[in-house]
Amino acid sequence: MGRENIKVDVLFLMRQSCKLCQDMLAKLTVYTENRVDIEFQVIDLDDKKNNYAKKNCAITPAIWVNNKMWYAGSVNMDRFDEKINELINLQ
């Protein structure tokens, strides 16, 4: 597999009613906008239509990377970037 095919799954769990979630969504959206190596998905737990059932999903905001919880609450975006780049370089 070529390095250009590597994808990291980033799942952001949030609630529309959460101010910190809104702030984190804005930061993550900007961060992932031009990253072709990240598959970014947002799940709004306030939206009853999503039927999302993942353990610990009551914690928001939460960032899951490749099915592992990396952060619950706020995140240092510089450190997040370092960890994402380390992960991509290991794959």
PDB file of N, CA and C in Angstrom:
ATOM      1  N   MET A   1       0.852  -1.183   0.000  1.00  0.00           N
ATOM      2  CA  MET A   1       0.000   0.000   0.000  1.00  0.00           C
ATOM      3  C   MET A   1       0.888   1.233   0.000  1.00  0.00           C
ATOM      4  N   GLY A   2       0.615   2.169  -0.889  1.00  0.00           N
ATOM      5  CA  GLY A   2       1.374   3.410  -0.937  1.00  0.00           C
ATOM      6  C   GLY A   2       0.998   4.336   0.189  1.00  0.00           C
ATOM      7  N   ARG A   3       1.923   5.173   0.562  1.00  0.00           N
ATOM      8  CA  ARG A   3       1.672   6.095   1.670  1.00  0.00           C
ATOM      9  C   ARG A   3       0.468   7.006   1.401  1.00  0.00           C
ATOM     10  N   GLU A   4       0.186   7.292   0.123  1.00  0.00           N
ATOM     11  CA  GLU A   4      -0.938   8.164  -0.207  1.00  0.00           C
ATOM     12  C   GLU A   4      -2.288   7.502   0.072  1.00  0.00           C
ATOM     13  N   ASN A   5      -2.313   6.184   0.318  1.00  0.00           N
ATOM     14  CA  ASN A   5      -3.558   5.477   0.582  1.00  0.00           C
ATOM     15  C   ASN A   5      -3.872   5.335   2.070  1.00  0.00           C
ATOM     16  N   ILE A   6      -2.984   5.779   2.928  1.00  0.00           N
ATOM     17  CA  ILE A   6      -3.187   5.637   4.369  1.00  0.00           C
ATOM     18  C   ILE A   6      -4.304   6.580   4.820  1.00  0.00           C
ATOM     19  N   LYS A   7      -5.249   6.016   5.579  1.00  0.00           N
ATOM     20  CA  LYS A   7      -6.344   6.810   6.133  1.00  0.00           C
ATOM     21  C   LYS A   7      -6.423   6.551   7.629  1.00  0.00           C
ATOM     22  N   VAL A   8      -6.615   7.596   8.376  1.00  0.00           N
ATOM     23  CA  VAL A   8      -6.836   7.506   9.809  1.00  0.00           C
ATOM     24  C   VAL A   8      -8.290   7.893  10.054  1.00  0.00           C
ATOM     25  N   ASP A   9      -9.010   7.033  10.778  1.00  0.00           N
ATOM     26  CA  ASP A   9     -10.405   7.316  11.102  1.00  0.00           C
ATOM     27  C   ASP A   9     -10.477   8.155  12.367  1.00  0.00           C
ATOM     28  N   VAL A  10     -11.057   9.339  12.252  1.00  0.00           N
ATOM     29  CA  VAL A  10     -11.244  10.227  13.393  1.00  0.00           C
ATOM     30  C   VAL A  10     -12.749  10.425  13.575  1.00  0.00           C
ATOM     31  N   LEU A  11     -13.237  10.010  14.718  1.00  0.00           N
ATOM     32  CA  LEU A  11     -14.653  10.135  15.055  1.00  0.00           C
ATOM     33  C   LEU A  11     -14.788  11.134  16.199  1.00  0.00           C
ATOM     34  N   PHE A  12     -15.619  12.134  15.997  1.00  0.00           N
ATOM     35  CA  PHE A  12     -15.832  13.171  17.009  1.00  0.00           C
ATOM     36  C   PHE A  12     -17.250  13.035  17.546  1.00  0.00           C
ATOM     37  N   LEU A  13     -17.369  12.735  18.834  1.00  0.00           N
ATOM     38  CA  LEU A  13     -18.669  12.645  19.498  1.00  0.00           C
ATOM     39  C   LEU A  13     -18.943  13.969  20.190  1.00  0.00           C
ATOM     40  N   MET A  14     -20.111  14.517  19.930  1.00  0.00           N
ATOM     41  CA  MET A  14     -20.438  15.833  20.470  1.00  0.00           C
ATOM     42  C   MET A  14     -21.921  15.927  20.781  1.00  0.00           C
ATOM     43  N   ARG A  15     -22.286  17.033  21.351  1.00  0.00           N
ATOM     44  CA  ARG A  15     -23.690  17.404  21.563  1.00  0.00           C
ATOM     45  C   ARG A  15     -23.842  18.860  21.138  1.00  0.00           C
ATOM     46  N   GLN A  16     -24.897  19.138  20.399  1.00  0.00           N
ATOM     47  CA  GLN A  16     -25.167  20.519  19.983  1.00  0.00           C
ATOM     48  C   GLN A  16     -25.301  21.433  21.192  1.00  0.00           C
ATOM     49  N   SER A  17     -25.775  20.895  22.300  1.00  0.00           N
ATOM     50  CA  SER A  17     -25.999  21.693  23.504  1.00  0.00           C
ATOM     51  C   SER A  17     -24.718  21.994  24.289  1.00  0.00           C
ATOM     52  N   CYS A  18     -23.581  21.513  23.811  1.00  0.00           N
ATOM     53  CA  CYS A  18     -22.299  21.646  24.518  1.00  0.00           C
ATOM     54  C   CYS A  18     -21.427  22.714  23.853  1.00  0.00           C
ATOM     55  N   LYS A  19     -21.111  23.774  24.586  1.00  0.00           N
ATOM     56  CA  LYS A  19     -20.280  24.861  24.050  1.00  0.00           C
ATOM     57  C   LYS A  19     -18.862  24.386  23.728  1.00  0.00           C
ATOM     58  N   LEU A  20     -18.271  23.593  24.603  1.00  0.00           N
ATOM     59  CA  LEU A  20     -16.931  23.065  24.341  1.00  0.00           C
ATOM     60  C   LEU A  20     -16.935  22.197  23.075  1.00  0.00           C
ATOM     61  N   CYS A  21     -18.008  21.433  22.889  1.00  0.00           N
ATOM     62  CA  CYS A  21     -18.124  20.599  21.683  1.00  0.00           C
ATOM     63  C   CYS A  21     -18.117  21.469  20.426  1.00  0.00           C
ATOM     64  N   GLN A  22     -18.850  22.567  20.464  1.00  0.00           N
ATOM     65  CA  GLN A  22     -18.901  23.473  19.313  1.00  0.00           C
ATOM     66  C   GLN A  22     -17.521  24.048  19.008  1.00  0.00           C
ATOM     67  N   ASP A  23     -16.794  24.429  20.053  1.00  0.00           N
ATOM     68  CA  ASP A  23     -15.444  24.970  19.874  1.00  0.00           C
ATOM     69  C   ASP A  23     -14.505  23.917  19.281  1.00  0.00           C
ATOM     70  N   MET A  24     -14.583  22.692  19.808  1.00  0.00           N
ATOM     71  CA  MET A  24     -13.734  21.610  19.309  1.00  0.00           C
ATOM     72  C   MET A  24     -14.096  21.235  17.873  1.00  0.00           C
ATOM     73  N   LEU A  25     -15.383  21.247  17.553  1.00  0.00           N
ATOM     74  CA  LEU A  25     -15.806  20.942  16.185  1.00  0.00           C
ATOM     75  C   LEU A  25     -15.197  21.938  15.201  1.00  0.00           C
ATOM     76  N   ALA A  26     -15.204  23.200  15.562  1.00  0.00           N
ATOM     77  CA  ALA A  26     -14.625  24.224  14.691  1.00  0.00           C
ATOM     78  C   ALA A  26     -13.126  23.966  14.472  1.00  0.00           C
ATOM     79  N   LYS A  27     -12.405  23.647  15.536  1.00  0.00           N
ATOM     80  CA  LYS A  27     -10.963  23.386  15.423  1.00  0.00           C
ATOM     81  C   LYS A  27     -10.690  22.132  14.589  1.00  0.00           C
ATOM     82  N   LEU A  28     -11.445  21.068  14.852  1.00  0.00           N
ATOM     83  CA  LEU A  28     -11.221  19.814  14.121  1.00  0.00           C
ATOM     84  C   LEU A  28     -11.599  19.940  12.651  1.00  0.00           C
ATOM     85  N   THR A  29     -12.641  20.712  12.373  1.00  0.00           N
ATOM     86  CA  THR A  29     -13.052  20.908  10.986  1.00  0.00           C
ATOM     87  C   THR A  29     -11.945  21.604  10.208  1.00  0.00           C
ATOM     88  N   VAL A  30     -11.383  22.656  10.774  1.00  0.00           N
ATOM     89  CA  VAL A  30     -10.279  23.365  10.118  1.00  0.00           C
ATOM     90  C   VAL A  30      -9.082  22.427   9.959  1.00  0.00           C
ATOM     91  N   TYR A  31      -8.781  21.672  11.008  1.00  0.00           N
ATOM     92  CA  TYR A  31      -7.627  20.764  10.979  1.00  0.00           C
ATOM     93  C   TYR A  31      -7.774  19.691   9.896  1.00  0.00           C
ATOM     94  N   THR A  32      -8.962  19.117   9.770  1.00  0.00           N
ATOM     95  CA  THR A  32      -9.152  17.987   8.852  1.00  0.00           C
ATOM     96  C   THR A  32      -9.497  18.409   7.429  1.00  0.00           C
ATOM     97  N   GLU A  33      -9.830  19.674   7.228  1.00  0.00           N
ATOM     98  CA  GLU A  33     -10.275  20.166   5.923  1.00  0.00           C
ATOM     99  C   GLU A  33      -9.361  19.756   4.770  1.00  0.00           C
ATOM    100  N   ASN A  34      -8.081  19.921   4.928  1.00  0.00           N
ATOM    101  CA  ASN A  34      -7.130  19.651   3.849  1.00  0.00           C
ATOM    102  C   ASN A  34      -6.295  18.401   4.080  1.00  0.00           C
ATOM    103  N   ARG A  35      -6.726  17.562   5.001  1.00  0.00           N
ATOM    104  CA  ARG A  35      -5.994  16.326   5.293  1.00  0.00           C
ATOM    105  C   ARG A  35      -6.649  15.164   4.558  1.00  0.00           C
ATOM    106  N   VAL A  36      -6.047  14.746   3.457  1.00  0.00           N
ATOM    107  CA  VAL A  36      -6.592  13.626   2.688  1.00  0.00           C
ATOM    108  C   VAL A  36      -6.355  12.299   3.400  1.00  0.00           C
ATOM    109  N   ASP A  37      -5.495  12.306   4.420  1.00  0.00           N
ATOM    110  CA  ASP A  37      -5.178  11.086   5.147  1.00  0.00           C
ATOM    111  C   ASP A  37      -6.081  10.865   6.366  1.00  0.00           C
ATOM    112  N   ILE A  38      -7.098  11.708   6.536  1.00  0.00           N
ATOM    113  CA  ILE A  38      -8.015  11.583   7.672  1.00  0.00           C
ATOM    114  C   ILE A  38      -9.442  11.445   7.166  1.00  0.00           C
ATOM    115  N   GLU A  39     -10.106  10.419   7.671  1.00  0.00           N
ATOM    116  CA  GLU A  39     -11.537  10.232   7.430  1.00  0.00           C
ATOM    117  C   GLU A  39     -12.235  10.764   8.675  1.00  0.00           C
ATOM    118  N   PHE A  40     -12.868  11.939   8.562  1.00  0.00           N
ATOM    119  CA  PHE A  40     -13.442  12.637   9.710  1.00  0.00           C
ATOM    120  C   PHE A  40     -14.950  12.454   9.734  1.00  0.00           C
ATOM    121  N   GLN A  41     -15.459  11.978  10.872  1.00  0.00           N
ATOM    122  CA  GLN A  41     -16.891  11.782  11.042  1.00  0.00           C
ATOM    123  C   GLN A  41     -17.329  12.445  12.347  1.00  0.00           C
ATOM    124  N   VAL A  42     -18.483  13.088  12.301  1.00  0.00           N
ATOM    125  CA  VAL A  42     -19.044  13.751  13.476  1.00  0.00           C
ATOM    126  C   VAL A  42     -20.353  13.070  13.837  1.00  0.00           C
ATOM    127  N   ILE A  43     -20.500  12.721  15.109  1.00  0.00           N
ATOM    128  CA  ILE A  43     -21.748  12.150  15.619  1.00  0.00           C
ATOM    129  C   ILE A  43     -22.284  13.099  16.685  1.00  0.00           C
ATOM    130  N   ASP A  44     -23.486  13.613  16.440  1.00  0.00           N
ATOM    131  CA  ASP A  44     -24.155  14.475  17.412  1.00  0.00           C
ATOM    132  C   ASP A  44     -25.060  13.592  18.264  1.00  0.00           C
ATOM    133  N   LEU A  45     -24.712  13.412  19.522  1.00  0.00           N
ATOM    134  CA  LEU A  45     -25.473  12.544  20.407  1.00  0.00           C
ATOM    135  C   LEU A  45     -26.823  13.140  20.799  1.00  0.00           C
ATOM    136  N   ASP A  46     -27.023  14.433  20.539  1.00  0.00           N
ATOM    137  CA  ASP A  46     -28.338  15.035  20.768  1.00  0.00           C
ATOM    138  C   ASP A  46     -29.322  14.661  19.666  1.00  0.00           C
ATOM    139  N   ASP A  47     -28.807  14.222  18.532  1.00  0.00           N
ATOM    140  CA  ASP A  47     -29.641  13.840  17.396  1.00  0.00           C
ATOM    141  C   ASP A  47     -30.116  12.404  17.592  1.00  0.00           C
ATOM    142  N   LYS A  48     -31.367  12.237  17.927  1.00  0.00           N
ATOM    143  CA  LYS A  48     -31.915  10.912  18.236  1.00  0.00           C
ATOM    144  C   LYS A  48     -31.973  10.010  17.008  1.00  0.00           C
ATOM    145  N   LYS A  49     -31.842  10.576  15.815  1.00  0.00           N
ATOM    146  CA  LYS A  49     -31.917   9.790  14.585  1.00  0.00           C
ATOM    147  C   LYS A  49     -30.664   8.963  14.329  1.00  0.00           C
ATOM    148  N   ASN A  50     -29.556   9.277  14.972  1.00  0.00           N
ATOM    149  CA  ASN A  50     -28.310   8.593  14.624  1.00  0.00           C
ATOM    150  C   ASN A  50     -28.183   7.191  15.229  1.00  0.00           C
ATOM    151  N   ASN A  51     -28.965   6.863  16.252  1.00  0.00           N
ATOM    152  CA  ASN A  51     -28.922   5.528  16.879  1.00  0.00           C
ATOM    153  C   ASN A  51     -27.507   5.072  17.201  1.00  0.00           C
ATOM    154  N   TYR A  52     -26.672   5.978  17.635  1.00  0.00           N
ATOM    155  CA  TYR A  52     -25.271   5.663  17.901  1.00  0.00           C
ATOM    156  C   TYR A  52     -25.137   4.979  19.253  1.00  0.00           C
ATOM    157  N   ALA A  53     -24.499   3.850  19.264  1.00  0.00           N
ATOM    158  CA  ALA A  53     -24.331   3.100  20.517  1.00  0.00           C
ATOM    159  C   ALA A  53     -22.873   2.663  20.657  1.00  0.00           C
ATOM    160  N   LYS A  54     -22.071   3.498  21.249  1.00  0.00           N
ATOM    161  CA  LYS A  54     -20.673   3.154  21.526  1.00  0.00           C
ATOM    162  C   LYS A  54     -20.466   3.340  23.021  1.00  0.00           C
ATOM    163  N   LYS A  55     -19.730   2.434  23.628  1.00  0.00           N
ATOM    164  CA  LYS A  55     -19.526   2.568  25.070  1.00  0.00           C
ATOM    165  C   LYS A  55     -18.858   3.895  25.391  1.00  0.00           C
ATOM    166  N   ASN A  56     -19.167   4.426  26.528  1.00  0.00           N
ATOM    167  CA  ASN A  56     -18.646   5.709  26.995  1.00  0.00           C
ATOM    168  C   ASN A  56     -19.114   6.886  26.148  1.00  0.00           C
ATOM    169  N   CYS A  57     -20.177   6.712  25.391  1.00  0.00           N
ATOM    170  CA  CYS A  57     -20.591   7.789  24.491  1.00  0.00           C
ATOM    171  C   CYS A  57     -21.279   8.935  25.224  1.00  0.00           C
ATOM    172  N   ALA A  58     -21.455   8.828  26.534  1.00  0.00           N
ATOM    173  CA  ALA A  58     -22.039   9.925  27.289  1.00  0.00           C
ATOM    174  C   ALA A  58     -21.025  11.049  27.490  1.00  0.00           C
ATOM    175  N   ILE A  59     -19.747  10.759  27.291  1.00  0.00           N
ATOM    176  CA  ILE A  59     -18.691  11.750  27.468  1.00  0.00           C
ATOM    177  C   ILE A  59     -18.565  12.573  26.194  1.00  0.00           C
ATOM    178  N   THR A  60     -18.766  13.869  26.328  1.00  0.00           N
ATOM    179  CA  THR A  60     -18.585  14.755  25.175  1.00  0.00           C
ATOM    180  C   THR A  60     -17.860  16.015  25.621  1.00  0.00           C
ATOM    181  N   PRO A  61     -17.059  16.592  24.758  1.00  0.00           N
ATOM    182  CA  PRO A  61     -16.655  16.036  23.476  1.00  0.00           C
ATOM    183  C   PRO A  61     -15.681  14.885  23.674  1.00  0.00           C
ATOM    184  N   ALA A  62     -15.671  13.984  22.700  1.00  0.00           N
ATOM    185  CA  ALA A  62     -14.737  12.867  22.723  1.00  0.00           C
ATOM    186  C   ALA A  62     -14.212  12.642  21.315  1.00  0.00           C
ATOM    187  N   ILE A  63     -12.924  12.335  21.242  1.00  0.00           N
ATOM    188  CA  ILE A  63     -12.295  12.058  19.954  1.00  0.00           C
ATOM    189  C   ILE A  63     -11.792  10.618  19.976  1.00  0.00           C
ATOM    190  N   TRP A  64     -12.281   9.840  19.018  1.00  0.00           N
ATOM    191  CA  TRP A  64     -11.857   8.458  18.834  1.00  0.00           C
ATOM    192  C   TRP A  64     -11.021   8.393  17.567  1.00  0.00           C
ATOM    193  N   VAL A  65      -9.875   7.748  17.645  1.00  0.00           N
ATOM    194  CA  VAL A  65      -9.014   7.579  16.473  1.00  0.00           C
ATOM    195  C   VAL A  65      -8.798   6.081  16.271  1.00  0.00           C
ATOM    196  N   ASN A  66      -9.169   5.623  15.089  1.00  0.00           N
ATOM    197  CA  ASN A  66      -9.069   4.193  14.770  1.00  0.00           C
ATOM    198  C   ASN A  66      -9.679   3.324  15.873  1.00  0.00           C
ATOM    199  N   ASN A  67     -10.879   3.714  16.308  1.00  0.00           N
ATOM    200  CA  ASN A  67     -11.674   2.978  17.302  1.00  0.00           C
ATOM    201  C   ASN A  67     -11.091   2.974  18.712  1.00  0.00           C
ATOM    202  N   LYS A  68     -10.195   3.909  19.006  1.00  0.00           N
ATOM    203  CA  LYS A  68      -9.661   4.058  20.357  1.00  0.00           C
ATOM    204  C   LYS A  68      -9.907   5.484  20.822  1.00  0.00           C
ATOM    205  N   MET A  69     -10.396   5.610  22.063  1.00  0.00           N
ATOM    206  CA  MET A  69     -10.628   6.955  22.577  1.00  0.00           C
ATOM    207  C   MET A  69      -9.292   7.618  22.880  1.00  0.00           C
ATOM    208  N   TRP A  70      -9.062   8.742  22.206  1.00  0.00           N
ATOM    209  CA  TRP A  70      -7.843   9.510  22.438  1.00  0.00           C
ATOM    210  C   TRP A  70      -8.072  10.633  23.434  1.00  0.00           C
ATOM    211  N   TYR A  71      -9.212  11.292  23.344  1.00  0.00           N
ATOM    212  CA  TYR A  71      -9.474  12.455  24.201  1.00  0.00           C
ATOM    213  C   TYR A  71     -10.926  12.480  24.640  1.00  0.00           C
ATOM    214  N   ALA A  72     -11.133  12.911  25.855  1.00  0.00           N
ATOM    215  CA  ALA A  72     -12.467  13.239  26.368  1.00  0.00           C
ATOM    216  C   ALA A  72     -12.333  14.614  27.000  1.00  0.00           C
ATOM    217  N   GLY A  73     -13.127  15.546  26.530  1.00  0.00           N
ATOM    218  CA  GLY A  73     -12.985  16.922  26.978  1.00  0.00           C
ATOM    219  C   GLY A  73     -12.143  17.705  25.991  1.00  0.00           C
ATOM    220  N   SER A  74     -11.397  18.661  26.494  1.00  0.00           N
ATOM    221  CA  SER A  74     -10.609  19.508  25.601  1.00  0.00           C
ATOM    222  C   SER A  74      -9.390  18.750  25.069  1.00  0.00           C
ATOM    223  N   VAL A  75      -8.804  19.301  24.012  1.00  0.00           N
ATOM    224  CA  VAL A  75      -7.649  18.674  23.381  1.00  0.00           C
ATOM    225  C   VAL A  75      -6.647  19.752  22.988  1.00  0.00           C
ATOM    226  N   ASN A  76      -5.377  19.423  23.138  1.00  0.00           N
ATOM    227  CA  ASN A  76      -4.307  20.288  22.664  1.00  0.00           C
ATOM    228  C   ASN A  76      -4.098  19.938  21.191  1.00  0.00           C
ATOM    229  N   MET A  77      -4.441  20.833  20.287  1.00  0.00           N
ATOM    230  CA  MET A  77      -4.399  20.539  18.849  1.00  0.00           C
ATOM    231  C   MET A  77      -2.975  20.291  18.350  1.00  0.00           C
ATOM    232  N   ASP A  78      -1.978  20.924  18.952  1.00  0.00           N
ATOM    233  CA  ASP A  78      -0.592  20.665  18.547  1.00  0.00           C
ATOM    234  C   ASP A  78      -0.217  19.226  18.877  1.00  0.00           C
ATOM    235  N   ARG A  79      -0.586  18.780  20.066  1.00  0.00           N
ATOM    236  CA  ARG A  79      -0.292  17.393  20.468  1.00  0.00           C
ATOM    237  C   ARG A  79      -1.107  16.409  19.626  1.00  0.00           C
ATOM    238  N   PHE A  80      -2.354  16.740  19.334  1.00  0.00           N
ATOM    239  CA  PHE A  80      -3.195  15.898  18.476  1.00  0.00           C
ATOM    240  C   PHE A  80      -2.527  15.730  17.113  1.00  0.00           C
ATOM    241  N   ASP A  81      -2.044  16.818  16.547  1.00  0.00           N
ATOM    242  CA  ASP A  81      -1.367  16.783  15.255  1.00  0.00           C
ATOM    243  C   ASP A  81      -0.121  15.895  15.312  1.00  0.00           C
ATOM    244  N   GLU A  82       0.659  16.023  16.371  1.00  0.00           N
ATOM    245  CA  GLU A  82       1.854  15.183  16.537  1.00  0.00           C
ATOM    246  C   GLU A  82       1.480  13.710  16.559  1.00  0.00           C
ATOM    247  N   LYS A  83       0.448  13.376  17.324  1.00  0.00           N
ATOM    248  CA  LYS A  83       0.035  11.976  17.463  1.00  0.00           C
ATOM    249  C   LYS A  83      -0.511  11.424  16.141  1.00  0.00           C
ATOM    250  N   ILE A  84      -1.276  12.231  15.418  1.00  0.00           N
ATOM    251  CA  ILE A  84      -1.807  11.802  14.116  1.00  0.00           C
ATOM    252  C   ILE A  84      -0.653  11.536  13.164  1.00  0.00           C
ATOM    253  N   ASN A  85       0.302  12.451  13.111  1.00  0.00           N
ATOM    254  CA  ASN A  85       1.446  12.276  12.208  1.00  0.00           C
ATOM    255  C   ASN A  85       2.298  11.072  12.588  1.00  0.00           C
ATOM    256  N   GLU A  86       2.470  10.825  13.878  1.00  0.00           N
ATOM    257  CA  GLU A  86       3.193   9.633  14.324  1.00  0.00           C
ATOM    258  C   GLU A  86       2.449   8.380  13.871  1.00  0.00           C
ATOM    259  N   LEU A  87       1.160   8.371  14.018  1.00  0.00           N
ATOM    260  CA  LEU A  87       0.348   7.223  13.621  1.00  0.00           C
ATOM    261  C   LEU A  87       0.454   6.964  12.120  1.00  0.00           C
ATOM    262  N   ILE A  88       0.380   8.001  11.342  1.00  0.00           N
ATOM    263  CA  ILE A  88       0.468   7.861   9.890  1.00  0.00           C
ATOM    264  C   ILE A  88       1.841   7.334   9.488  1.00  0.00           C
ATOM    265  N   ASN A  89       2.880   7.817  10.149  1.00  0.00           N
ATOM    266  CA  ASN A  89       4.236   7.374   9.810  1.00  0.00           C
ATOM    267  C   ASN A  89       4.511   5.930  10.227  1.00  0.00           C
ATOM    268  N   LEU A  90       3.737   5.405  11.195  1.00  0.00           N
ATOM    269  CA  LEU A  90       3.902   4.020  11.621  1.00  0.00           C
ATOM    270  C   LEU A  90       3.198   3.047  10.696  1.00  0.00           C
ATOM    271  N   GLN A  91       2.180   3.525   9.994  1.00  0.00           N
ATOM    272  CA  GLN A  91       1.378   2.629   9.147  1.00  0.00           C
ATOM    273  C   GLN A  91       2.079   2.316   7.857  1.00  0.00           C
TER     274      GLN A  91
END
